[in-house]
Each structure stands twice: as structure tokens, then as C-alpha cells.
Amino acid sequence: MMVWGHATGVVATGILLLRVVDPDFKSRGVEDSGIADILNRPIVIALQVLPPLFLSMGGSWPHIVTWTITGATVLLLIVAKALGWWRPDSPVQRYREG
């Protein structure tokens, strides 16, 4: 829930949703989200700032950027599948109680 709230709004939404499903904060959602945010924030900022800049430059930049990002996404999915990082058929692991 923390990641979903983070992705669709603000950190407070993620914490609120986490609080609903885990009122005692037994999971490590807040800590994990904080660590991930340090790594993801520069990417998010770049994805918000760069597209309008490329579009305002005109020419073939929008096409170049679109195909580059599409290619990078496909490449990352292939690498993740090859290295076993992406396993959509694996069962969801439950948190430990206690």
C-alpha cells in the first residue's frame, strides 16, 4: 500500500494507506519506502522536467526520446527476467508475524 500511495500521490497518502492495513507498523514499509525514495527521486524529477524541454525543442527529439525510453524499458525487462529478478509467476510472500 505504501508504494501505491507513493506512486499515485504523496508520501502522506502512502503512510495513511499503510497505517490502515498495518496499524502497528509491524512491516518495514516506511523504512523501505524511504530508502527507495532516495534512489528514485532523481529519476522522478528528470521524468517531470525533461519531456517538456524536449518537446519545446521540436524537431526529432520527441521521437528519439520516446524510442530510447521504450528500448531501455524492454532491455531492462529482458535483463530482469534473465537474472531472475522479475518472476510474475511466483507466489506472494507473506510478512512474518511477531
Protein backbone atom coordinates (compact mmCIF):
# COMPACT_ATOMS: atom_id res chain seq x y z
CA MET A 1 0.00 0.00 0.00
CA MET A 2 2.90 2.30 0.73
CA VAL A 3 4.26 2.07 -2.80
CA TRP A 4 0.81 2.52 -4.35
CA GLY A 5 0.14 5.64 -2.28
CA HIS A 6 3.59 6.96 -3.11
CA ALA A 7 3.09 6.38 -6.83
CA THR A 8 -0.33 7.96 -7.00
CA GLY A 9 0.07 10.99 -4.82
CA VAL A 10 2.28 11.95 -1.96
CA VAL A 11 4.17 10.23 0.81
CA ALA A 12 1.40 11.06 3.29
CA THR A 13 -1.10 9.06 1.22
CA GLY A 14 1.22 6.07 1.27
CA ILE A 15 1.71 6.29 5.02
CA LEU A 16 -2.03 6.66 5.56
CA LEU A 17 -2.75 3.55 3.48
CA LEU A 18 -0.01 1.63 5.27
CA ARG A 19 -1.48 2.70 8.59
CA VAL A 20 -4.86 1.30 7.52
CA VAL A 21 -3.51 -2.16 6.70
CA ASP A 22 -0.75 -2.22 9.33
CA PRO A 23 -1.77 -0.03 12.27
CA ASP A 24 1.13 -1.15 14.48
CA PHE A 25 3.78 -0.65 11.76
CA LYS A 26 4.95 -4.27 12.04
CA SER A 27 6.01 -4.24 8.39
CA ARG A 28 9.01 -2.28 7.19
CA GLY A 29 7.09 -0.34 4.55
CA VAL A 30 8.03 3.12 5.77
CA GLU A 31 11.75 2.32 6.04
CA ASP A 32 11.85 0.55 2.68
CA SER A 33 9.98 3.38 1.01
CA GLY A 34 12.37 5.95 2.45
CA ILE A 35 15.41 4.08 1.14
CA ALA A 36 13.81 3.58 -2.27
CA ASP A 37 12.83 7.26 -2.43
CA ILE A 38 16.47 8.32 -2.16
CA LEU A 39 17.24 6.32 -5.30
CA ASN A 40 14.02 7.09 -7.19
CA ARG A 41 13.70 10.82 -6.60
CA PRO A 42 16.29 11.92 -9.21
CA ILE A 43 14.59 9.72 -11.81
CA VAL A 44 11.16 11.13 -10.98
CA ILE A 45 12.43 14.70 -11.18
CA ALA A 46 14.09 14.02 -14.55
CA LEU A 47 10.91 12.43 -15.91
CA GLN A 48 8.93 15.50 -14.91
CA VAL A 49 11.37 18.10 -16.19
CA LEU A 50 12.91 16.66 -19.35
CA PRO A 51 9.85 15.80 -21.51
CA PRO A 52 8.60 19.41 -21.73
CA LEU A 53 12.13 20.54 -22.55
CA PHE A 54 12.47 18.02 -25.37
CA LEU A 55 9.02 18.86 -26.73
CA SER A 56 9.80 22.57 -26.73
CA MET A 57 12.99 21.91 -28.70
CA GLY A 58 10.93 20.45 -31.54
CA GLY A 59 12.48 18.54 -34.39
CA SER A 60 13.02 14.83 -33.93
CA TRP A 61 13.80 14.97 -30.19
CA PRO A 62 10.39 13.66 -29.06
CA HIS A 63 10.74 10.61 -31.30
CA ILE A 64 14.33 9.94 -30.25
CA VAL A 65 13.46 10.17 -26.56
CA THR A 66 10.34 8.02 -26.93
CA TRP A 67 12.17 5.21 -28.74
CA THR A 68 15.16 5.41 -26.40
CA ILE A 69 12.96 5.05 -23.31
CA THR A 70 10.93 2.27 -24.92
CA GLY A 71 14.11 0.39 -25.83
CA ALA A 72 15.58 0.88 -22.35
CA THR A 73 12.37 -0.44 -20.77
CA VAL A 74 12.35 -3.55 -22.96
CA LEU A 75 16.06 -4.11 -22.26
CA LEU A 76 15.52 -3.81 -18.50
CA LEU A 77 12.62 -6.27 -18.63
CA ILE A 78 14.75 -8.78 -20.54
CA VAL A 79 17.66 -8.39 -18.11
CA ALA A 80 15.34 -8.69 -15.10
CA LYS A 81 13.77 -11.85 -16.49
CA ALA A 82 17.17 -13.36 -17.42
CA LEU A 83 18.64 -12.70 -13.98
CA GLY A 84 15.54 -13.93 -12.14
CA TRP A 85 14.65 -10.55 -10.64
CA TRP A 86 11.24 -10.50 -12.30
CA ARG A 87 9.15 -13.56 -11.52
CA PRO A 88 5.49 -12.81 -12.19
CA ASP A 89 4.51 -16.45 -11.63
CA SER A 90 6.00 -16.68 -8.12
CA PRO A 91 3.61 -16.63 -5.14
CA VAL A 92 3.41 -13.53 -3.00
CA GLN A 93 5.34 -13.90 0.25
CA ARG A 94 3.54 -13.06 3.47
CA TYR A 95 5.06 -10.97 6.23
CA ARG A 96 6.21 -12.76 9.34
CA GLU A 97 4.06 -12.33 12.41
CA GLY A 98 5.74 -11.12 15.54
